[in-house]
Amino acid sequence: MRLLSLDYSPVWNPATMTSFSGDESVFDFDVVVWNPASSIYRYATAYAQYRNLPSLDENTSVSLSSDISRRRQEFLDFVDSGRALVVFVVPPQQCYIDTGERTWA
């Protein structure tokens, strides 16, 4: 059994660890373990705060949106193929995302 750990310290020694934004495909594995809170933290570290929440810059916001779209489809196809996806359910993770929209008064 091959185990992929996304943003989670592996619980099984031969597990492969990568990040949510990584290029590693889930389809090379039998089980995927994912910790969404750690994923958001990886995007939000070292960035500004706005109203006491992490505020992602324009580049990181685009990367996060792209990674979510890619992984969402990958996870759906992975589970549909009969494989196991373990997700650590945590309270919603909030942050401010740069939409690219600018207004000047």
Protein backbone atom coordinates (compact mmCIF):
# COMPACT_ATOMS: atom_id res chain seq x y z
CA MET A 1 0.00 0.00 0.00
CA ARG A 2 1.38 3.40 -1.00
CA LEU A 3 0.50 6.39 1.20
CA LEU A 4 0.70 10.07 0.22
CA SER A 5 0.65 12.68 2.95
CA LEU A 6 -0.34 16.22 1.93
CA ASP A 7 0.84 18.81 4.46
CA TYR A 8 0.71 16.26 7.26
CA SER A 9 3.56 14.55 9.05
CA PRO A 10 3.40 10.96 7.79
CA VAL A 11 1.95 8.41 10.17
CA TRP A 12 3.51 5.52 8.28
CA ASN A 13 7.24 5.34 7.58
CA PRO A 14 7.20 4.53 3.86
CA ALA A 15 4.73 7.39 3.27
CA THR A 16 5.55 10.06 0.72
CA MET A 17 5.10 13.61 1.98
CA THR A 18 4.40 16.57 -0.25
CA SER A 19 2.48 19.82 -0.08
CA PHE A 20 -0.99 20.59 -1.40
CA SER A 21 0.68 22.78 -4.02
CA GLY A 22 3.14 20.05 -4.98
CA ASP A 23 3.31 18.30 -8.35
CA GLU A 24 2.92 14.79 -6.90
CA SER A 25 -0.17 13.09 -8.35
CA VAL A 26 -2.52 11.30 -5.96
CA PHE A 27 -3.12 8.61 -8.60
CA ASP A 28 0.25 7.01 -7.85
CA PHE A 29 -1.01 6.13 -4.35
CA ASP A 30 -3.62 3.95 -2.67
CA VAL A 31 -4.36 6.26 0.28
CA VAL A 32 -4.03 10.04 0.60
CA VAL A 33 -4.01 11.84 3.96
CA TRP A 34 -4.59 15.61 3.85
CA ASN A 35 -4.57 18.32 6.50
CA PRO A 36 -6.25 21.46 5.04
CA ALA A 37 -5.31 23.67 8.01
CA SER A 38 -1.61 23.05 7.38
CA SER A 39 -2.10 23.72 3.67
CA ILE A 40 -3.60 27.17 4.29
CA TYR A 41 -0.86 27.90 6.82
CA ARG A 42 1.80 27.16 4.19
CA TYR A 43 0.27 29.73 1.84
CA ALA A 44 -0.32 32.31 4.56
CA THR A 45 2.99 32.30 6.44
CA ALA A 46 5.15 35.39 6.07
CA TYR A 47 2.31 37.40 4.61
CA ALA A 48 0.52 40.43 5.94
CA GLN A 49 -2.41 40.40 8.30
CA TYR A 50 -5.68 42.19 7.59
CA ARG A 51 -8.36 42.35 10.29
CA ASN A 52 -6.39 39.74 12.25
CA LEU A 53 -6.49 37.18 9.43
CA PRO A 54 -3.76 36.21 6.97
CA SER A 55 -3.86 38.29 3.82
CA LEU A 56 -2.43 36.60 0.74
CA ASP A 57 -0.73 38.68 -1.92
CA GLU A 58 -1.78 38.59 -5.58
CA ASN A 59 0.63 35.82 -6.64
CA THR A 60 -0.16 33.55 -3.71
CA SER A 61 -3.90 34.11 -4.17
CA VAL A 62 -3.67 32.97 -7.79
CA SER A 63 -1.58 29.95 -6.79
CA LEU A 64 -4.04 28.94 -4.08
CA SER A 65 -7.05 29.21 -6.42
CA SER A 66 -5.27 27.19 -9.10
CA ASP A 67 -4.15 24.51 -6.64
CA ILE A 68 -7.66 24.18 -5.20
CA SER A 69 -9.18 23.69 -8.66
CA ARG A 70 -6.58 21.10 -9.62
CA ARG A 71 -6.72 19.13 -6.37
CA ARG A 72 -10.54 19.23 -6.17
CA GLN A 73 -10.89 17.43 -9.49
CA GLU A 74 -8.05 15.10 -8.64
CA PHE A 75 -9.67 14.18 -5.30
CA LEU A 76 -13.06 13.54 -6.94
CA ASP A 77 -11.53 11.23 -9.55
CA PHE A 78 -9.38 9.54 -6.89
CA VAL A 79 -12.35 8.72 -4.64
CA ASP A 80 -14.48 7.69 -7.64
CA SER A 81 -11.79 5.13 -8.50
CA GLY A 82 -12.36 3.46 -5.11
CA ARG A 83 -9.31 4.77 -3.28
CA ALA A 84 -9.24 6.24 0.22
CA LEU A 85 -8.90 9.97 0.93
CA VAL A 86 -8.50 10.88 4.61
CA VAL A 87 -9.17 14.55 5.40
CA PHE A 88 -8.67 16.05 8.84
CA VAL A 89 -11.81 18.11 9.34
CA VAL A 90 -11.11 21.37 11.12
CA PRO A 91 -13.09 24.59 11.54
CA PRO A 92 -13.13 26.69 8.36
CA GLN A 93 -9.80 28.31 7.65
CA GLN A 94 -10.18 31.98 6.80
CA CYS A 95 -7.89 34.38 5.01
CA TYR A 96 -8.14 37.37 2.74
CA ILE A 97 -7.38 36.72 -0.92
CA ASP A 98 -6.23 39.36 -3.37
CA THR A 99 -8.80 39.48 -6.17
CA GLY A 100 -6.69 41.74 -8.37
CA GLU A 101 -9.45 44.37 -8.38
CA ARG A 102 -8.22 47.86 -7.53
CA THR A 103 -10.15 51.07 -6.88
CA TRP A 104 -8.82 54.54 -6.29
CA ALA A 105 -10.74 57.46 -4.90
